[in-house]
Amino acid sequence: MNNRLKELRQNLKLSQKEFGDKVVLTQNHISSLESGRRTLNDRTIKDICNTFGVNEEWLRTGEGEMMVDLVGELEDVDNETKDMLRKILALKDDDKEKIKKIINAFSES
């Protein structure tokens, strides 16, 4: 599971500190989890899955897709819009803020 945790963090393009800040764990704790010196407990697994939209089965066993596709479950939304939403969800927080400003500029006009 420690390798999948590291794979997830790298896929999200987050440092150990950034990842830890989002799930209220220190950088040292994340490092210990990734190296296998510590094991993930159920609460931490739930926190990671809820925070990042991770498929819990994948994190625990490696089976299935890494991420839960919440966008795919939206009804009455066309595929192009779903694709844009997925891309926005994958952005870092500061880039999301930039997109938010752009969207707000269009909605004000």
PDB file of N, CA and C in Angstrom:
ATOM      1  N   MET A   1       0.820  -1.192   0.000  1.00  0.00           N
ATOM      2  CA  MET A   1       0.000   0.000   0.000  1.00  0.00           C
ATOM      3  C   MET A   1       0.869   1.262   0.000  1.00  0.00           C
ATOM      4  N   ASN A   2       2.050   1.175   0.585  1.00  0.00           N
ATOM      5  CA  ASN A   2       2.927   2.347   0.643  1.00  0.00           C
ATOM      6  C   ASN A   2       3.333   2.823  -0.754  1.00  0.00           C
ATOM      7  N   ASN A   3       3.549   1.889  -1.684  1.00  0.00           N
ATOM      8  CA  ASN A   3       3.902   2.282  -3.052  1.00  0.00           C
ATOM      9  C   ASN A   3       2.736   2.978  -3.744  1.00  0.00           C
ATOM     10  N   ARG A   4       1.502   2.509  -3.465  1.00  0.00           N
ATOM     11  CA  ARG A   4       0.334   3.144  -4.075  1.00  0.00           C
ATOM     12  C   ARG A   4       0.125   4.545  -3.506  1.00  0.00           C
ATOM     13  N   LEU A   5       0.423   4.724  -2.224  1.00  0.00           N
ATOM     14  CA  LEU A   5       0.309   6.052  -1.633  1.00  0.00           C
ATOM     15  C   LEU A   5       1.263   7.022  -2.329  1.00  0.00           C
ATOM     16  N   LYS A   6       2.483   6.586  -2.534  1.00  0.00           N
ATOM     17  CA  LYS A   6       3.464   7.434  -3.214  1.00  0.00           C
ATOM     18  C   LYS A   6       3.044   7.683  -4.660  1.00  0.00           C
ATOM     19  N   GLU A   7       2.546   6.654  -5.331  1.00  0.00           N
ATOM     20  CA  GLU A   7       2.071   6.803  -6.707  1.00  0.00           C
ATOM     21  C   GLU A   7       0.929   7.824  -6.773  1.00  0.00           C
ATOM     22  N   LEU A   8       0.014   7.747  -5.830  1.00  0.00           N
ATOM     23  CA  LEU A   8      -1.101   8.695  -5.770  1.00  0.00           C
ATOM     24  C   LEU A   8      -0.586  10.114  -5.591  1.00  0.00           C
ATOM     25  N   ARG A   9       0.283  10.306  -4.623  1.00  0.00           N
ATOM     26  CA  ARG A   9       0.815  11.648  -4.349  1.00  0.00           C
ATOM     27  C   ARG A   9       1.521  12.219  -5.567  1.00  0.00           C
ATOM     28  N   GLN A  10       2.318  11.397  -6.221  1.00  0.00           N
ATOM     29  CA  GLN A  10       3.031  11.855  -7.413  1.00  0.00           C
ATOM     30  C   GLN A  10       2.065  12.145  -8.563  1.00  0.00           C
ATOM     31  N   ASN A  11       1.022  11.318  -8.681  1.00  0.00           N
ATOM     32  CA  ASN A  11       0.005  11.538  -9.704  1.00  0.00           C
ATOM     33  C   ASN A  11      -0.714  12.868  -9.478  1.00  0.00           C
ATOM     34  N   LEU A  12      -0.894  13.232  -8.212  1.00  0.00           N
ATOM     35  CA  LEU A  12      -1.538  14.502  -7.868  1.00  0.00           C
ATOM     36  C   LEU A  12      -0.575  15.682  -7.957  1.00  0.00           C
ATOM     37  N   LYS A  13       0.703  15.372  -8.205  1.00  0.00           N
ATOM     38  CA  LYS A  13       1.761  16.386  -8.312  1.00  0.00           C
ATOM     39  C   LYS A  13       1.874  17.220  -7.033  1.00  0.00           C
ATOM     40  N   LEU A  14       1.839  16.513  -5.907  1.00  0.00           N
ATOM     41  CA  LEU A  14       1.970  17.163  -4.608  1.00  0.00           C
ATOM     42  C   LEU A  14       3.239  16.697  -3.912  1.00  0.00           C
ATOM     43  N   SER A  15       3.871  17.602  -3.193  1.00  0.00           N
ATOM     44  CA  SER A  15       5.000  17.209  -2.344  1.00  0.00           C
ATOM     45  C   SER A  15       4.437  16.452  -1.146  1.00  0.00           C
ATOM     46  N   GLN A  16       5.315  15.815  -0.399  1.00  0.00           N
ATOM     47  CA  GLN A  16       4.862  15.129   0.809  1.00  0.00           C
ATOM     48  C   GLN A  16       4.223  16.122   1.777  1.00  0.00           C
ATOM     49  N   LYS A  17       4.780  17.307   1.873  1.00  0.00           N
ATOM     50  CA  LYS A  17       4.223  18.328   2.764  1.00  0.00           C
ATOM     51  C   LYS A  17       2.848  18.762   2.285  1.00  0.00           C
ATOM     52  N   GLU A  18       2.708  19.065   0.992  1.00  0.00           N
ATOM     53  CA  GLU A  18       1.412  19.495   0.458  1.00  0.00           C
ATOM     54  C   GLU A  18       0.347  18.414   0.650  1.00  0.00           C
ATOM     55  N   PHE A  19       0.724  17.171   0.365  1.00  0.00           N
ATOM     56  CA  PHE A  19      -0.196  16.050   0.538  1.00  0.00           C
ATOM     57  C   PHE A  19      -0.605  15.930   2.002  1.00  0.00           C
ATOM     58  N   GLY A  20       0.391  15.964   2.893  1.00  0.00           N
ATOM     59  CA  GLY A  20       0.130  15.844   4.319  1.00  0.00           C
ATOM     60  C   GLY A  20      -0.744  16.961   4.857  1.00  0.00           C
ATOM     61  N   ASP A  21      -0.513  18.183   4.373  1.00  0.00           N
ATOM     62  CA  ASP A  21      -1.323  19.318   4.826  1.00  0.00           C
ATOM     63  C   ASP A  21      -2.802  19.098   4.524  1.00  0.00           C
ATOM     64  N   LYS A  22      -3.100  18.484   3.397  1.00  0.00           N
ATOM     65  CA  LYS A  22      -4.493  18.279   2.991  1.00  0.00           C
ATOM     66  C   LYS A  22      -5.194  17.205   3.822  1.00  0.00           C
ATOM     67  N   VAL A  23      -4.437  16.271   4.375  1.00  0.00           N
ATOM     68  CA  VAL A  23      -5.039  15.210   5.196  1.00  0.00           C
ATOM     69  C   VAL A  23      -4.599  15.309   6.665  1.00  0.00           C
ATOM     70  N   VAL A  24      -4.049  16.455   7.033  1.00  0.00           N
ATOM     71  CA  VAL A  24      -3.644  16.776   8.403  1.00  0.00           C
ATOM     72  C   VAL A  24      -2.635  15.755   8.954  1.00  0.00           C
ATOM     73  N   LEU A  25      -1.594  15.520   8.177  1.00  0.00           N
ATOM     74  CA  LEU A  25      -0.472  14.687   8.593  1.00  0.00           C
ATOM     75  C   LEU A  25       0.817  15.439   8.270  1.00  0.00           C
ATOM     76  N   THR A  26       1.860  15.198   9.030  1.00  0.00           N
ATOM     77  CA  THR A  26       3.125  15.881   8.785  1.00  0.00           C
ATOM     78  C   THR A  26       3.847  15.268   7.583  1.00  0.00           C
ATOM     79  N   GLN A  27       4.788  16.006   7.062  1.00  0.00           N
ATOM     80  CA  GLN A  27       5.616  15.502   5.963  1.00  0.00           C
ATOM     81  C   GLN A  27       6.372  14.267   6.416  1.00  0.00           C
ATOM     82  N   ASN A  28       6.847  14.260   7.651  1.00  0.00           N
ATOM     83  CA  ASN A  28       7.572  13.095   8.176  1.00  0.00           C
ATOM     84  C   ASN A  28       6.677  11.864   8.234  1.00  0.00           C
ATOM     85  N   HIS A  29       5.418  12.063   8.604  1.00  0.00           N
ATOM     86  CA  HIS A  29       4.484  10.933   8.675  1.00  0.00           C
ATOM     87  C   HIS A  29       4.232  10.372   7.269  1.00  0.00           C
ATOM     88  N   ILE A  30       4.037  11.256   6.297  1.00  0.00           N
ATOM     89  CA  ILE A  30       3.835  10.807   4.909  1.00  0.00           C
ATOM     90  C   ILE A  30       5.064  10.048   4.431  1.00  0.00           C
ATOM     91  N   SER A  31       6.239  10.568   4.737  1.00  0.00           N
ATOM     92  CA  SER A  31       7.482   9.894   4.355  1.00  0.00           C
ATOM     93  C   SER A  31       7.556   8.499   4.972  1.00  0.00           C
ATOM     94  N   SER A  32       7.190   8.391   6.237  1.00  0.00           N
ATOM     95  CA  SER A  32       7.212   7.086   6.915  1.00  0.00           C
ATOM     96  C   SER A  32       6.204   6.116   6.308  1.00  0.00           C
ATOM     97  N   LEU A  33       5.041   6.625   5.903  1.00  0.00           N
ATOM     98  CA  LEU A  33       4.036   5.769   5.269  1.00  0.00           C
ATOM     99  C   LEU A  33       4.528   5.280   3.913  1.00  0.00           C
ATOM    100  N   GLU A  34       5.096   6.189   3.124  1.00  0.00           N
ATOM    101  CA  GLU A  34       5.569   5.821   1.786  1.00  0.00           C
ATOM    102  C   GLU A  34       6.738   4.847   1.837  1.00  0.00           C
ATOM    103  N   SER A  35       7.565   4.962   2.852  1.00  0.00           N
ATOM    104  CA  SER A  35       8.733   4.077   2.949  1.00  0.00           C
ATOM    105  C   SER A  35       8.388   2.737   3.590  1.00  0.00           C
ATOM    106  N   GLY A  36       7.195   2.636   4.164  1.00  0.00           N
ATOM    107  CA  GLY A  36       6.794   1.394   4.817  1.00  0.00           C
ATOM    108  C   GLY A  36       7.178   1.301   6.286  1.00  0.00           C
ATOM    109  N   ARG A  37       7.772   2.373   6.832  1.00  0.00           N
ATOM    110  CA  ARG A  37       8.115   2.364   8.252  1.00  0.00           C
ATOM    111  C   ARG A  37       6.862   2.424   9.119  1.00  0.00           C
ATOM    112  N   ARG A  38       5.787   2.989   8.568  1.00  0.00           N
ATOM    113  CA  ARG A  38       4.479   3.029   9.235  1.00  0.00           C
ATOM    114  C   ARG A  38       3.452   2.479   8.269  1.00  0.00           C
ATOM    115  N   THR A  39       2.344   2.012   8.822  1.00  0.00           N
ATOM    116  CA  THR A  39       1.270   1.505   7.966  1.00  0.00           C
ATOM    117  C   THR A  39       0.066   2.433   8.055  1.00  0.00           C
ATOM    118  N   LEU A  40      -0.674   2.488   6.965  1.00  0.00           N
ATOM    119  CA  LEU A  40      -1.881   3.309   6.914  1.00  0.00           C
ATOM    120  C   LEU A  40      -2.970   2.689   7.787  1.00  0.00           C
ATOM    121  N   ASN A  41      -3.586   3.482   8.631  1.00  0.00           N
ATOM    122  CA  ASN A  41      -4.718   2.981   9.411  1.00  0.00           C
ATOM    123  C   ASN A  41      -6.020   3.315   8.677  1.00  0.00           C
ATOM    124  N   ASP A  42      -7.113   2.727   9.126  1.00  0.00           N
ATOM    125  CA  ASP A  42      -8.397   2.893   8.443  1.00  0.00           C
ATOM    126  C   ASP A  42      -8.834   4.353   8.367  1.00  0.00           C
ATOM    127  N   ARG A  43      -8.636   5.111   9.429  1.00  0.00           N
ATOM    128  CA  ARG A  43      -9.040   6.516   9.427  1.00  0.00           C
ATOM    129  C   ARG A  43      -8.272   7.305   8.375  1.00  0.00           C
ATOM    130  N   THR A  44      -6.973   7.083   8.292  1.00  0.00           N
ATOM    131  CA  THR A  44      -6.144   7.794   7.321  1.00  0.00           C
ATOM    132  C   THR A  44      -6.523   7.402   5.895  1.00  0.00           C
ATOM    133  N   ILE A  45      -6.802   6.129   5.690  1.00  0.00           N
ATOM    134  CA  ILE A  45      -7.239   5.670   4.361  1.00  0.00           C
ATOM    135  C   ILE A  45      -8.524   6.387   3.968  1.00  0.00           C
ATOM    136  N   LYS A  46      -9.490   6.451   4.877  1.00  0.00           N
ATOM    137  CA  LYS A  46     -10.766   7.133   4.604  1.00  0.00           C
ATOM    138  C   LYS A  46     -10.530   8.611   4.313  1.00  0.00           C
ATOM    139  N   ASP A  47      -9.669   9.252   5.110  1.00  0.00           N
ATOM    140  CA  ASP A  47      -9.376  10.671   4.904  1.00  0.00           C
ATOM    141  C   ASP A  47      -8.766  10.914   3.525  1.00  0.00           C
ATOM    142  N   ILE A  48      -7.816  10.079   3.133  1.00  0.00           N
ATOM    143  CA  ILE A  48      -7.163  10.220   1.825  1.00  0.00           C
ATOM    144  C   ILE A  48      -8.196  10.033   0.709  1.00  0.00           C
ATOM    145  N   CYS A  49      -9.009   8.998   0.824  1.00  0.00           N
ATOM    146  CA  CYS A  49     -10.003   8.715  -0.217  1.00  0.00           C
ATOM    147  C   CYS A  49     -11.019   9.836  -0.334  1.00  0.00           C
ATOM    148  N   ASN A  50     -11.493  10.349   0.789  1.00  0.00           N
ATOM    149  CA  ASN A  50     -12.479  11.435   0.774  1.00  0.00           C
ATOM    150  C   ASN A  50     -11.888  12.744   0.278  1.00  0.00           C
ATOM    151  N   THR A  51     -10.671  13.038   0.670  1.00  0.00           N
ATOM    152  CA  THR A  51     -10.033  14.298   0.296  1.00  0.00           C
ATOM    153  C   THR A  51      -9.692  14.351  -1.189  1.00  0.00           C
ATOM    154  N   PHE A  52      -9.195  13.252  -1.725  1.00  0.00           N
ATOM    155  CA  PHE A  52      -8.687  13.264  -3.092  1.00  0.00           C
ATOM    156  C   PHE A  52      -9.557  12.512  -4.098  1.00  0.00           C
ATOM    157  N   GLY A  53     -10.669  11.937  -3.647  1.00  0.00           N
ATOM    158  CA  GLY A  53     -11.537  11.187  -4.564  1.00  0.00           C
ATOM    159  C   GLY A  53     -10.908   9.886  -5.033  1.00  0.00           C
ATOM    160  N   VAL A  54     -10.196   9.226  -4.124  1.00  0.00           N
ATOM    161  CA  VAL A  54      -9.473   7.996  -4.454  1.00  0.00           C
ATOM    162  C   VAL A  54     -10.377   6.785  -4.233  1.00  0.00           C
ATOM    163  N   ASN A  55     -10.249   5.813  -5.100  1.00  0.00           N
ATOM    164  CA  ASN A  55     -10.955   4.543  -4.977  1.00  0.00           C
ATOM    165  C   ASN A  55     -10.301   3.770  -3.829  1.00  0.00           C
ATOM    166  N   GLU A  56     -11.050   3.547  -2.756  1.00  0.00           N
ATOM    167  CA  GLU A  56     -10.489   2.882  -1.573  1.00  0.00           C
ATOM    168  C   GLU A  56      -9.982   1.481  -1.896  1.00  0.00           C
ATOM    169  N   GLU A  57     -10.678   0.758  -2.751  1.00  0.00           N
ATOM    170  CA  GLU A  57     -10.235  -0.597  -3.125  1.00  0.00           C
ATOM    171  C   GLU A  57      -8.863  -0.538  -3.789  1.00  0.00           C
ATOM    172  N   TRP A  58      -8.657   0.457  -4.656  1.00  0.00           N
ATOM    173  CA  TRP A  58      -7.355   0.602  -5.315  1.00  0.00           C
ATOM    174  C   TRP A  58      -6.264   0.877  -4.278  1.00  0.00           C
ATOM    175  N   LEU A  59      -6.541   1.788  -3.348  1.00  0.00           N
ATOM    176  CA  LEU A  59      -5.526   2.138  -2.359  1.00  0.00           C
ATOM    177  C   LEU A  59      -5.176   0.934  -1.484  1.00  0.00           C
ATOM    178  N   ARG A  60      -6.170   0.161  -1.108  1.00  0.00           N
ATOM    179  CA  ARG A  60      -5.938  -0.989  -0.235  1.00  0.00           C
ATOM    180  C   ARG A  60      -5.318  -2.175  -0.970  1.00  0.00           C
ATOM    181  N   THR A  61      -5.799  -2.452  -2.189  1.00  0.00           N
ATOM    182  CA  THR A  61      -5.415  -3.712  -2.852  1.00  0.00           C
ATOM    183  C   THR A  61      -4.728  -3.542  -4.202  1.00  0.00           C
ATOM    184  N   GLY A  62      -4.860  -2.368  -4.799  1.00  0.00           N
ATOM    185  CA  GLY A  62      -4.332  -2.170  -6.148  1.00  0.00           C
ATOM    186  C   GLY A  62      -5.322  -2.544  -7.235  1.00  0.00           C
ATOM    187  N   GLU A  63      -6.506  -2.993  -6.852  1.00  0.00           N
ATOM    188  CA  GLU A  63      -7.533  -3.391  -7.825  1.00  0.00           C
ATOM    189  C   GLU A  63      -8.382  -2.188  -8.209  1.00  0.00           C
ATOM    190  N   GLY A  64      -8.750  -2.126  -9.488  1.00  0.00           N
ATOM    191  CA  GLY A  64      -9.623  -1.059  -9.959  1.00  0.00           C
ATOM    192  C   GLY A  64      -8.844   0.183 -10.357  1.00  0.00           C
ATOM    193  N   GLU A  65      -9.586   1.237 -10.598  1.00  0.00           N
ATOM    194  CA  GLU A  65      -8.999   2.518 -10.996  1.00  0.00           C
ATOM    195  C   GLU A  65      -8.523   3.287  -9.765  1.00  0.00           C
ATOM    196  N   MET A  66      -7.509   4.123  -9.953  1.00  0.00           N
ATOM    197  CA  MET A  66      -6.973   4.913  -8.853  1.00  0.00           C
ATOM    198  C   MET A  66      -8.020   5.899  -8.317  1.00  0.00           C
ATOM    199  N   MET A  67      -8.680   6.588  -9.211  1.00  0.00           N
ATOM    200  CA  MET A  67      -9.581   7.654  -8.807  1.00  0.00           C
ATOM    201  C   MET A  67     -11.031   7.266  -9.056  1.00  0.00           C
ATOM    202  N   VAL A  68     -11.907   7.751  -8.203  1.00  0.00           N
ATOM    203  CA  VAL A  68     -13.340   7.596  -8.400  1.00  0.00           C
ATOM    204  C   VAL A  68     -13.759   8.652  -9.409  1.00  0.00           C
ATOM    205  N   ASP A  69     -14.529   8.268 -10.405  1.00  0.00           N
ATOM    206  CA  ASP A  69     -14.962   9.214 -11.434  1.00  0.00           C
ATOM    207  C   ASP A  69     -16.316   9.798 -11.050  1.00  0.00           C
ATOM    208  N   LEU A  70     -16.296  10.793 -10.169  1.00  0.00           N
ATOM    209  CA  LEU A  70     -17.528  11.431  -9.730  1.00  0.00           C
ATOM    210  C   LEU A  70     -18.192  12.200 -10.862  1.00  0.00           C
ATOM    211  N   VAL A  71     -17.390  12.727 -11.752  1.00  0.00           N
ATOM    212  CA  VAL A  71     -17.926  13.490 -12.881  1.00  0.00           C
ATOM    213  C   VAL A  71     -18.733  12.582 -13.805  1.00  0.00           C
ATOM    214  N   GLY A  72     -18.266  11.365 -13.995  1.00  0.00           N
ATOM    215  CA  GLY A  72     -18.956  10.431 -14.881  1.00  0.00           C
ATOM    216  C   GLY A  72     -20.361  10.097 -14.426  1.00  0.00           C
ATOM    217  N   GLU A  73     -20.622  10.276 -13.132  1.00  0.00           N
ATOM    218  CA  GLU A  73     -21.940   9.973 -12.583  1.00  0.00           C
ATOM    219  C   GLU A  73     -22.933  11.113 -12.770  1.00  0.00           C
ATOM    220  N   LEU A  74     -22.471  12.275 -13.235  1.00  0.00           N
ATOM    221  CA  LEU A  74     -23.370  13.402 -13.435  1.00  0.00           C
ATOM    222  C   LEU A  74     -24.326  13.113 -14.590  1.00  0.00           C
ATOM    223  N   GLU A  75     -25.594  13.330 -14.351  1.00  0.00           N
ATOM    224  CA  GLU A  75     -26.584  13.140 -15.398  1.00  0.00           C
ATOM    225  C   GLU A  75     -26.823  14.468 -16.100  1.00  0.00           C
ATOM    226  N   ASP A  76     -27.277  14.414 -17.316  1.00  0.00           N
ATOM    227  CA  ASP A  76     -27.627  15.607 -18.098  1.00  0.00           C
ATOM    228  C   ASP A  76     -26.447  16.563 -18.291  1.00  0.00           C
ATOM    229  N   VAL A  77     -25.232  16.025 -18.311  1.00  0.00           N
ATOM    230  CA  VAL A  77     -24.038  16.824 -18.576  1.00  0.00           C
ATOM    231  C   VAL A  77     -23.328  16.188 -19.759  1.00  0.00           C
ATOM    232  N   ASP A  78     -23.037  17.018 -20.777  1.00  0.00           N
ATOM    233  CA  ASP A  78     -22.419  16.462 -21.983  1.00  0.00           C
ATOM    234  C   ASP A  78     -20.972  16.060 -21.714  1.00  0.00           C
ATOM    235  N   ASN A  79     -20.432  15.212 -22.573  1.00  0.00           N
ATOM    236  CA  ASN A  79     -19.080  14.655 -22.383  1.00  0.00           C
ATOM    237  C   ASN A  79     -17.994  15.721 -22.404  1.00  0.00           C
ATOM    238  N   GLU A  80     -18.148  16.758 -23.227  1.00  0.00           N
ATOM    239  CA  GLU A  80     -17.145  17.825 -23.286  1.00  0.00           C
ATOM    240  C   GLU A  80     -17.057  18.559 -21.945  1.00  0.00           C
ATOM    241  N   THR A  81     -18.197  18.831 -21.339  1.00  0.00           N
ATOM    242  CA  THR A  81     -18.221  19.498 -20.035  1.00  0.00           C
ATOM    243  C   THR A  81     -17.630  18.586 -18.963  1.00  0.00           C
ATOM    244  N   LYS A  82     -17.950  17.296 -19.008  1.00  0.00           N
ATOM    245  CA  LYS A  82     -17.377  16.346 -18.052  1.00  0.00           C
ATOM    246  C   LYS A  82     -15.860  16.317 -18.168  1.00  0.00           C
ATOM    247  N   ASP A  83     -15.352  16.344 -19.406  1.00  0.00           N
ATOM    248  CA  ASP A  83     -13.907  16.336 -19.620  1.00  0.00           C
ATOM    249  C   ASP A  83     -13.272  17.589 -19.018  1.00  0.00           C
ATOM    250  N   MET A  84     -13.915  18.750 -19.217  1.00  0.00           N
ATOM    251  CA  MET A  84     -13.388  19.989 -18.633  1.00  0.00           C
ATOM    252  C   MET A  84     -13.389  19.917 -17.107  1.00  0.00           C
ATOM    253  N   LEU A  85     -14.449  19.378 -16.524  1.00  0.00           N
ATOM    254  CA  LEU A  85     -14.516  19.252 -15.067  1.00  0.00           C
ATOM    255  C   LEU A  85     -13.417  18.346 -14.531  1.00  0.00           C
ATOM    256  N   ARG A  86     -13.167  17.241 -15.227  1.00  0.00           N
ATOM    257  CA  ARG A  86     -12.092  16.335 -14.793  1.00  0.00           C
ATOM    258  C   ARG A  86     -10.745  17.047 -14.808  1.00  0.00           C
ATOM    259  N   LYS A  87     -10.509  17.846 -15.833  1.00  0.00           N
ATOM    260  CA  LYS A  87      -9.244  18.581 -15.931  1.00  0.00           C
ATOM    261  C   LYS A  87      -9.131  19.618 -14.820  1.00  0.00           C
ATOM    262  N   ILE A  88     -10.212  20.295 -14.510  1.00  0.00           N
ATOM    263  CA  ILE A  88     -10.194  21.279 -13.425  1.00  0.00           C
ATOM    264  C   ILE A  88      -9.922  20.588 -12.093  1.00  0.00           C
ATOM    265  N   LEU A  89     -10.556  19.459 -11.862  1.00  0.00           N
ATOM    266  CA  LEU A  89     -10.358  18.730 -10.608  1.00  0.00           C
ATOM    267  C   LEU A  89      -8.916  18.268 -10.431  1.00  0.00           C
ATOM    268  N   ALA A  90      -8.209  18.053 -11.521  1.00  0.00           N
ATOM    269  CA  ALA A  90      -6.827  17.572 -11.462  1.00  0.00           C
ATOM    270  C   ALA A  90      -5.817  18.690 -11.205  1.00  0.00           C
ATOM    271  N   LEU A  91      -6.261  19.949 -11.271  1.00  0.00           N
ATOM    272  CA  LEU A  91      -5.353  21.068 -11.090  1.00  0.00           C
ATOM    273  C   LEU A  91      -4.958  21.253  -9.633  1.00  0.00           C
ATOM    274  N   LYS A  92      -3.806  21.890  -9.425  1.00  0.00           N
ATOM    275  CA  LYS A  92      -3.400  22.299  -8.081  1.00  0.00           C
ATOM    276  C   LYS A  92      -4.303  23.453  -7.645  1.00  0.00           C
ATOM    277  N   ASP A  93      -4.374  23.675  -6.338  1.00  0.00           N
ATOM    278  CA  ASP A  93      -5.277  24.686  -5.787  1.00  0.00           C
ATOM    279  C   ASP A  93      -5.047  26.078  -6.360  1.00  0.00           C
ATOM    280  N   ASP A  94      -3.778  26.482  -6.512  1.00  0.00           N
ATOM    281  CA  ASP A  94      -3.528  27.828  -7.030  1.00  0.00           C
ATOM    282  C   ASP A  94      -3.973  27.960  -8.486  1.00  0.00           C
ATOM    283  N   ASP A  95      -3.868  26.887  -9.264  1.00  0.00           N
ATOM    284  CA  ASP A  95      -4.347  26.921 -10.640  1.00  0.00           C
ATOM    285  C   ASP A  95      -5.875  26.921 -10.685  1.00  0.00           C
ATOM    286  N   LYS A  96      -6.508  26.241  -9.742  1.00  0.00           N
ATOM    287  CA  LYS A  96      -7.973  26.276  -9.650  1.00  0.00           C
ATOM    288  C   LYS A  96      -8.457  27.695  -9.383  1.00  0.00           C
ATOM    289  N   GLU A  97      -7.723  28.426  -8.548  1.00  0.00           N
ATOM    290  CA  GLU A  97      -8.088  29.822  -8.263  1.00  0.00           C
ATOM    291  C   GLU A  97      -8.027  30.668  -9.530  1.00  0.00           C
ATOM    292  N   LYS A  98      -7.034  30.428 -10.365  1.00  0.00           N
ATOM    293  CA  LYS A  98      -6.908  31.170 -11.622  1.00  0.00           C
ATOM    294  C   LYS A  98      -8.097  30.875 -12.536  1.00  0.00           C
ATOM    295  N   ILE A  99      -8.473  29.608 -12.630  1.00  0.00           N
ATOM    296  CA  ILE A  99      -9.620  29.214 -13.453  1.00  0.00           C
ATOM    297  C   ILE A  99     -10.893  29.838 -12.896  1.00  0.00           C
ATOM    298  N   LYS A 100     -11.016  29.868 -11.583  1.00  0.00           N
ATOM    299  CA  LYS A 100     -12.186  30.462 -10.938  1.00  0.00           C
ATOM    300  C   LYS A 100     -12.319  31.939 -11.325  1.00  0.00           C
ATOM    301  N   LYS A 101     -11.198  32.656 -11.344  1.00  0.00           N
ATOM    302  CA  LYS A 101     -11.221  34.078 -11.724  1.00  0.00           C
ATOM    303  C   LYS A 101     -11.655  34.242 -13.179  1.00  0.00           C
ATOM    304  N   ILE A 102     -11.173  33.372 -14.033  1.00  0.00           N
ATOM    305  CA  ILE A 102     -11.560  33.439 -15.449  1.00  0.00           C
ATOM    306  C   ILE A 102     -13.060  33.192 -15.601  1.00  0.00           C
ATOM    307  N   ILE A 103     -13.561  32.158 -14.936  1.00  0.00           N
ATOM    308  CA  ILE A 103     -14.990  31.832 -15.016  1.00  0.00           C
ATOM    309  C   ILE A 103     -15.827  32.980 -14.467  1.00  0.00           C
ATOM    310  N   ASN A 104     -15.396  33.542 -13.343  1.00  0.00           N
ATOM    311  CA  ASN A 104     -16.129  34.671 -12.760  1.00  0.00           C
ATOM    312  C   ASN A 104     -16.151  35.861 -13.695  1.00  0.00           C
ATOM    313  N   ALA A 105     -15.066  36.117 -14.413  1.00  0.00           N
ATOM    314  CA  ALA A 105     -15.024  37.221 -15.364  1.00  0.00           C
ATOM    315  C   ALA A 105     -16.050  37.033 -16.472  1.00  0.00           C
ATOM    316  N   PHE A 106     -16.225  35.795 -16.925  1.00  0.00           N
ATOM    317  CA  PHE A 106     -17.216  35.535 -17.964  1.00  0.00           C
ATOM    318  C   PHE A 106     -18.635  35.639 -17.428  1.00  0.00           C
ATOM    319  N   SER A 107     -18.856  35.212 -16.207  1.00  0.00           N
ATOM    320  CA  SER A 107     -20.221  35.216 -15.666  1.00  0.00           C
ATOM    321  C   SER A 107     -20.678  36.615 -15.281  1.00  0.00           C
ATOM    322  N   GLU A 108     -19.740  37.558 -15.108  1.00  0.00           N
ATOM    323  CA  GLU A 108     -20.090  38.930 -14.769  1.00  0.00           C
ATOM    324  C   GLU A 108     -20.469  39.750 -15.999  1.00  0.00           C
ATOM    325  N   SER A 109     -20.111  39.254 -17.170  1.00  0.00           N
ATOM    326  CA  SER A 109     -20.371  40.057 -18.374  1.00  0.00           C
ATOM    327  C   SER A 109     -21.711  39.740 -18.993  1.00  0.00           C
TER     328      SER A 109
END
